[in-house]
């Protein structure tokens, strides 16, 4: 886990990196909808 960003630029970079990770891993996204607390949304 990365440390909290200290400025807006770093926050934006972290977010972009995470979205690319999700884009490259659709199985991980599918798992989100199987989580007990999120099932109602699926």
PDB file of N, CA and C in Angstrom:
ATOM      1  N   UNK A   1       0.831  -1.172   0.000  1.00  0.00           N
ATOM      2  CA  UNK A   1       0.000   0.000   0.000  1.00  0.00           C
ATOM      3  C   UNK A   1       0.884   1.246   0.000  1.00  0.00           C
ATOM      4  N   UNK A   2       0.472   2.213  -0.799  1.00  0.00           N
ATOM      5  CA  UNK A   2       1.249   3.435  -0.908  1.00  0.00           C
ATOM      6  C   UNK A   2       0.887   4.405   0.221  1.00  0.00           C
ATOM      7  N   UNK A   3       1.836   5.240   0.590  1.00  0.00           N
ATOM      8  CA  UNK A   3       1.518   6.259   1.592  1.00  0.00           C
ATOM      9  C   UNK A   3       0.540   7.286   1.021  1.00  0.00           C
ATOM     10  N   UNK A   4      -0.133   7.996   1.896  1.00  0.00           N
ATOM     11  CA  UNK A   4      -1.084   9.019   1.455  1.00  0.00           C
ATOM     12  C   UNK A   4      -0.351  10.094   0.653  1.00  0.00           C
ATOM     13  N   UNK A   5      -0.971  10.549  -0.429  1.00  0.00           N
ATOM     14  CA  UNK A   5      -0.331  11.593  -1.233  1.00  0.00           C
ATOM     15  C   UNK A   5      -0.267  12.914  -0.470  1.00  0.00           C
ATOM     16  N   UNK A   6       0.779  13.661  -0.714  1.00  0.00           N
ATOM     17  CA  UNK A   6       0.981  14.931  -0.014  1.00  0.00           C
ATOM     18  C   UNK A   6       0.487  16.129  -0.819  1.00  0.00           C
ATOM     19  N   UNK A   7       0.120  15.903  -2.088  1.00  0.00           N
ATOM     20  CA  UNK A   7      -0.369  17.006  -2.902  1.00  0.00           C
ATOM     21  C   UNK A   7      -1.331  16.482  -3.978  1.00  0.00           C
ATOM     22  N   UNK A   8      -2.005  17.391  -4.641  1.00  0.00           N
ATOM     23  CA  UNK A   8      -3.006  17.032  -5.645  1.00  0.00           C
ATOM     24  C   UNK A   8      -2.383  16.272  -6.812  1.00  0.00           C
ATOM     25  N   UNK A   9      -1.200  16.664  -7.218  1.00  0.00           N
ATOM     26  CA  UNK A   9      -0.533  16.009  -8.340  1.00  0.00           C
ATOM     27  C   UNK A   9      -0.270  14.531  -8.041  1.00  0.00           C
ATOM     28  N   UNK A  10       0.229  14.251  -6.854  1.00  0.00           N
ATOM     29  CA  UNK A  10       0.524  12.859  -6.477  1.00  0.00           C
ATOM     30  C   UNK A  10      -0.755  12.047  -6.347  1.00  0.00           C
ATOM     31  N   UNK A  11      -1.812  12.659  -5.836  1.00  0.00           N
ATOM     32  CA  UNK A  11      -3.104  11.988  -5.739  1.00  0.00           C
ATOM     33  C   UNK A  11      -3.600  11.596  -7.124  1.00  0.00           C
ATOM     34  N   UNK A  12      -3.494  12.514  -8.068  1.00  0.00           N
ATOM     35  CA  UNK A  12      -3.922  12.240  -9.444  1.00  0.00           C
ATOM     36  C   UNK A  12      -3.089  11.122 -10.058  1.00  0.00           C
ATOM     37  N   UNK A  13      -1.800  11.134  -9.840  1.00  0.00           N
ATOM     38  CA  UNK A  13      -0.920  10.082 -10.367  1.00  0.00           C
ATOM     39  C   UNK A  13      -1.290   8.725  -9.780  1.00  0.00           C
ATOM     40  N   UNK A  14      -1.523   8.683  -8.463  1.00  0.00           N
ATOM     41  CA  UNK A  14      -1.904   7.426  -7.816  1.00  0.00           C
ATOM     42  C   UNK A  14      -3.213   6.893  -8.381  1.00  0.00           C
ATOM     43  N   UNK A  15      -4.160   7.792  -8.574  1.00  0.00           N
ATOM     44  CA  UNK A  15      -5.457   7.390  -9.110  1.00  0.00           C
ATOM     45  C   UNK A  15      -5.320   6.826 -10.521  1.00  0.00           C
ATOM     46  N   UNK A  16      -4.561   7.488 -11.363  1.00  0.00           N
ATOM     47  CA  UNK A  16      -4.356   7.005 -12.735  1.00  0.00           C
ATOM     48  C   UNK A  16      -3.692   5.625 -12.737  1.00  0.00           C
ATOM     49  N   UNK A  17      -2.685   5.462 -11.882  1.00  0.00           N
ATOM     50  CA  UNK A  17      -2.001   4.164 -11.798  1.00  0.00           C
ATOM     51  C   UNK A  17      -2.971   3.063 -11.369  1.00  0.00           C
ATOM     52  N   UNK A  18      -3.822   3.387 -10.405  1.00  0.00           N
ATOM     53  CA  UNK A  18      -4.777   2.386  -9.925  1.00  0.00           C
ATOM     54  C   UNK A  18      -5.808   2.045 -10.999  1.00  0.00           C
ATOM     55  N   UNK A  19      -6.285   3.033 -11.732  1.00  0.00           N
ATOM     56  CA  UNK A  19      -7.270   2.784 -12.784  1.00  0.00           C
ATOM     57  C   UNK A  19      -6.674   1.950 -13.908  1.00  0.00           C
ATOM     58  N   UNK A  20      -5.414   2.160 -14.218  1.00  0.00           N
ATOM     59  CA  UNK A  20      -4.739   1.340 -15.237  1.00  0.00           C
ATOM     60  C   UNK A  20      -4.636  -0.095 -14.740  1.00  0.00           C
ATOM     61  N   UNK A  21      -4.297  -0.267 -13.463  1.00  0.00           N
ATOM     62  CA  UNK A  21      -4.225  -1.601 -12.874  1.00  0.00           C
ATOM     63  C   UNK A  21      -5.575  -2.312 -13.024  1.00  0.00           C
ATOM     64  N   UNK A  22      -6.664  -1.608 -12.720  1.00  0.00           N
ATOM     65  CA  UNK A  22      -7.995  -2.211 -12.841  1.00  0.00           C
ATOM     66  C   UNK A  22      -8.347  -2.504 -14.296  1.00  0.00           C
ATOM     67  N   UNK A  23      -7.980  -1.601 -15.174  1.00  0.00           N
ATOM     68  CA  UNK A  23      -8.264  -1.791 -16.591  1.00  0.00           C
ATOM     69  C   UNK A  23      -7.575  -3.053 -17.118  1.00  0.00           C
ATOM     70  N   UNK A  24      -6.402  -3.337 -16.629  1.00  0.00           N
ATOM     71  CA  UNK A  24      -5.631  -4.497 -17.079  1.00  0.00           C
ATOM     72  C   UNK A  24      -6.008  -5.777 -16.343  1.00  0.00           C
ATOM     73  N   UNK A  25      -6.951  -5.697 -15.376  1.00  0.00           N
ATOM     74  CA  UNK A  25      -7.302  -6.862 -14.579  1.00  0.00           C
ATOM     75  C   UNK A  25      -8.819  -6.930 -14.355  1.00  0.00           C
ATOM     76  N   UNK A  26      -9.597  -7.285 -15.401  1.00  0.00           N
ATOM     77  CA  UNK A  26     -11.056  -7.323 -15.262  1.00  0.00           C
ATOM     78  C   UNK A  26     -11.546  -8.323 -14.208  1.00  0.00           C
ATOM     79  N   UNK A  27     -10.785  -9.356 -13.938  1.00  0.00           N
ATOM     80  CA  UNK A  27     -11.197 -10.323 -12.916  1.00  0.00           C
ATOM     81  C   UNK A  27     -11.255  -9.664 -11.541  1.00  0.00           C
ATOM     82  N   UNK A  28     -10.348  -8.755 -11.301  1.00  0.00           N
ATOM     83  CA  UNK A  28     -10.348  -8.042 -10.016  1.00  0.00           C
ATOM     84  C   UNK A  28     -11.611  -7.185  -9.877  1.00  0.00           C
ATOM     85  N   UNK A  29     -12.010  -6.544 -10.967  1.00  0.00           N
ATOM     86  CA  UNK A  29     -13.221  -5.726 -10.944  1.00  0.00           C
ATOM     87  C   UNK A  29     -14.439  -6.606 -10.680  1.00  0.00           C
ATOM     88  N   UNK A  30     -14.504  -7.759 -11.314  1.00  0.00           N
ATOM     89  CA  UNK A  30     -15.634  -8.675 -11.102  1.00  0.00           C
ATOM     90  C   UNK A  30     -15.741  -9.094  -9.640  1.00  0.00           C
ATOM     91  N   UNK A  31     -14.596  -9.303  -9.002  1.00  0.00           N
ATOM     92  CA  UNK A  31     -14.601  -9.718  -7.595  1.00  0.00           C
ATOM     93  C   UNK A  31     -15.237  -8.670  -6.699  1.00  0.00           C
ATOM     94  N   UNK A  32     -15.123  -7.398  -7.062  1.00  0.00           N
ATOM     95  CA  UNK A  32     -15.730  -6.346  -6.247  1.00  0.00           C
ATOM     96  C   UNK A  32     -17.225  -6.576  -6.110  1.00  0.00           C
ATOM     97  N   UNK A  33     -17.877  -7.029  -7.178  1.00  0.00           N
ATOM     98  CA  UNK A  33     -19.325  -7.193  -7.176  1.00  0.00           C
ATOM     99  C   UNK A  33     -19.772  -8.468  -6.478  1.00  0.00           C
ATOM    100  N   UNK A  34     -18.824  -9.317  -6.125  1.00  0.00           N
ATOM    101  CA  UNK A  34     -19.156 -10.528  -5.379  1.00  0.00           C
ATOM    102  C   UNK A  34     -18.950 -10.339  -3.876  1.00  0.00           C
ATOM    103  N   UNK A  35     -18.388  -9.205  -3.482  1.00  0.00           N
ATOM    104  CA  UNK A  35     -18.178  -8.923  -2.068  1.00  0.00           C
ATOM    105  C   UNK A  35     -19.528  -8.770  -1.384  1.00  0.00           C
ATOM    106  N   UNK A  36     -19.644  -9.298  -0.191  1.00  0.00           N
ATOM    107  CA  UNK A  36     -20.909  -9.318   0.538  1.00  0.00           C
ATOM    108  C   UNK A  36     -21.528  -7.922   0.679  1.00  0.00           C
ATOM    109  N   UNK A  37     -20.739  -6.924   0.923  1.00  0.00           N
ATOM    110  CA  UNK A  37     -21.264  -5.568   1.133  1.00  0.00           C
ATOM    111  C   UNK A  37     -21.668  -4.880  -0.174  1.00  0.00           C
ATOM    112  N   UNK A  38     -21.315  -5.442  -1.308  1.00  0.00           N
ATOM    113  CA  UNK A  38     -21.602  -4.808  -2.595  1.00  0.00           C
ATOM    114  C   UNK A  38     -22.587  -5.613  -3.438  1.00  0.00           C
ATOM    115  N   UNK A  39     -22.884  -6.822  -3.072  1.00  0.00           N
ATOM    116  CA  UNK A  39     -23.728  -7.700  -3.882  1.00  0.00           C
ATOM    117  C   UNK A  39     -25.038  -7.043  -4.318  1.00  0.00           C
ATOM    118  N   UNK A  40     -25.633  -6.216  -3.453  1.00  0.00           N
ATOM    119  CA  UNK A  40     -26.924  -5.617  -3.773  1.00  0.00           C
ATOM    120  C   UNK A  40     -26.849  -4.780  -5.059  1.00  0.00           C
ATOM    121  N   UNK A  41     -25.681  -4.267  -5.415  1.00  0.00           N
ATOM    122  CA  UNK A  41     -25.554  -3.396  -6.579  1.00  0.00           C
ATOM    123  C   UNK A  41     -25.435  -4.179  -7.883  1.00  0.00           C
ATOM    124  N   UNK A  42     -25.121  -5.435  -7.808  1.00  0.00           N
ATOM    125  CA  UNK A  42     -24.897  -6.227  -9.017  1.00  0.00           C
ATOM    126  C   UNK A  42     -26.188  -6.640  -9.688  1.00  0.00           C
TER     127      UNK A  42
END
